[in-house]
Amino acid sequence: MTPSLTLDEFLLCKQAIMRYGKQGQMIVAIEELSELIKEITKNLRGRDNCAAISEEMADVYIMLEQLIMMFDNDNEIRGQMRLKMKCLKERMDNERGG
């Protein structure tokens, strides 16, 4: 299950977009994604850094929420997620049977 924002957190994200601008927050999103990639890579190389991964995942999740606000595409994302989950299930079912 994914975490959901409280009303206060939602409003804070909106305020961040207004204060720093869409472009600024998109840059922050890219930076946060990069930091998560870095921590995952460290983990693959044997580092026990689950706490760092959790921290970066939280940052990425917050930025994804802001991107959803900026692009106003929550419904489209939900539809794409359902489609991709269906494809994943079909692929896994086919692997089991084949």
Protein backbone atom coordinates (compact mmCIF):
# COMPACT_ATOMS: atom_id res chain seq x y z
CA MET A 1 0.00 0.00 0.00
CA THR A 2 1.23 3.48 -0.75
CA PRO A 3 1.15 6.25 1.80
CA SER A 4 -1.34 9.03 1.30
CA LEU A 5 -0.94 12.69 2.17
CA THR A 6 -2.83 14.34 4.97
CA LEU A 7 -4.61 17.57 4.11
CA ASP A 8 -1.81 19.58 5.75
CA GLU A 9 0.83 17.69 3.74
CA PHE A 10 -1.17 18.21 0.53
CA LEU A 11 -1.37 21.95 1.22
CA LEU A 12 2.33 22.09 2.04
CA CYS A 13 3.15 20.48 -1.32
CA LYS A 14 0.92 23.02 -3.08
CA GLN A 15 2.70 25.84 -1.22
CA ALA A 16 6.11 24.47 -2.23
CA ILE A 17 5.06 24.49 -5.90
CA MET A 18 3.81 28.05 -5.60
CA ARG A 19 6.92 29.27 -3.78
CA TYR A 20 9.62 27.50 -5.79
CA GLY A 21 7.78 27.17 -9.10
CA LYS A 22 7.04 24.17 -11.26
CA GLN A 23 10.43 24.15 -12.93
CA GLY A 24 12.23 24.37 -9.60
CA GLN A 25 10.25 21.48 -8.16
CA MET A 26 10.79 19.40 -11.30
CA ILE A 27 14.54 19.87 -10.82
CA VAL A 28 14.18 18.78 -7.18
CA ALA A 29 12.23 15.70 -8.36
CA ILE A 30 15.08 14.76 -10.70
CA GLU A 31 17.61 15.24 -7.89
CA GLU A 32 15.59 13.09 -5.49
CA LEU A 33 15.20 10.33 -8.10
CA SER A 34 18.97 10.42 -8.63
CA GLU A 35 19.62 10.10 -4.90
CA LEU A 36 17.32 7.06 -4.72
CA ILE A 37 19.12 5.47 -7.66
CA LYS A 38 22.43 6.05 -5.87
CA GLU A 39 21.21 4.37 -2.66
CA ILE A 40 19.75 1.40 -4.53
CA THR A 41 23.06 0.97 -6.36
CA LYS A 42 24.93 1.01 -3.03
CA ASN A 43 22.58 -1.68 -1.75
CA LEU A 44 23.20 -3.84 -4.81
CA ARG A 45 26.91 -3.52 -4.09
CA GLY A 46 26.40 -4.92 -0.61
CA ARG A 47 25.82 -1.91 1.62
CA ASP A 48 23.24 -2.29 4.39
CA ASN A 49 21.48 1.03 3.75
CA CYS A 50 17.77 0.28 4.10
CA ALA A 51 17.25 3.41 6.20
CA ALA A 52 18.83 5.59 3.50
CA ILE A 53 16.70 3.90 0.85
CA SER A 54 13.57 4.56 2.92
CA GLU A 55 14.54 8.21 3.31
CA GLU A 56 15.10 8.65 -0.42
CA MET A 57 11.89 6.79 -1.24
CA ALA A 58 10.00 9.22 1.00
CA ASP A 59 11.60 12.16 -0.82
CA VAL A 60 10.68 10.67 -4.19
CA TYR A 61 7.13 9.97 -3.07
CA ILE A 62 6.69 13.58 -1.96
CA MET A 63 8.03 14.81 -5.28
CA LEU A 64 5.78 12.42 -7.22
CA GLU A 65 2.83 13.88 -5.36
CA GLN A 66 3.96 17.35 -6.36
CA LEU A 67 4.38 16.26 -10.00
CA ILE A 68 0.83 14.89 -9.95
CA MET A 69 -0.35 18.27 -8.69
CA MET A 70 1.64 20.13 -11.34
CA PHE A 71 0.44 17.99 -14.25
CA ASP A 72 -3.05 17.39 -12.82
CA ASN A 73 -2.91 13.79 -14.03
CA ASP A 74 -3.99 11.69 -11.04
CA ASN A 75 -6.74 9.89 -12.98
CA GLU A 76 -4.45 9.21 -15.93
CA ILE A 77 -1.81 7.79 -13.61
CA ARG A 78 -4.36 5.54 -11.92
CA GLY A 79 -5.48 4.25 -15.33
CA GLN A 80 -1.89 3.66 -16.43
CA MET A 81 -1.13 1.84 -13.19
CA ARG A 82 -4.13 -0.47 -13.66
CA LEU A 83 -3.03 -1.20 -17.23
CA LYS A 84 0.56 -1.89 -16.21
CA MET A 85 -0.53 -4.12 -13.32
CA LYS A 86 -2.73 -6.08 -15.72
CA CYS A 87 0.23 -6.51 -18.09
CA LEU A 88 2.46 -7.61 -15.20
CA LYS A 89 -0.10 -10.17 -14.06
CA GLU A 90 -0.47 -11.52 -17.61
CA ARG A 91 3.30 -11.77 -18.02
CA MET A 92 3.67 -13.60 -14.70
CA ASP A 93 0.76 -15.91 -15.52
CA ASN A 94 2.34 -16.71 -18.88
CA GLU A 95 5.70 -17.44 -17.29
CA ARG A 96 4.05 -19.82 -14.86
CA GLY A 97 2.26 -21.66 -17.67
CA GLY A 98 5.08 -21.64 -20.20
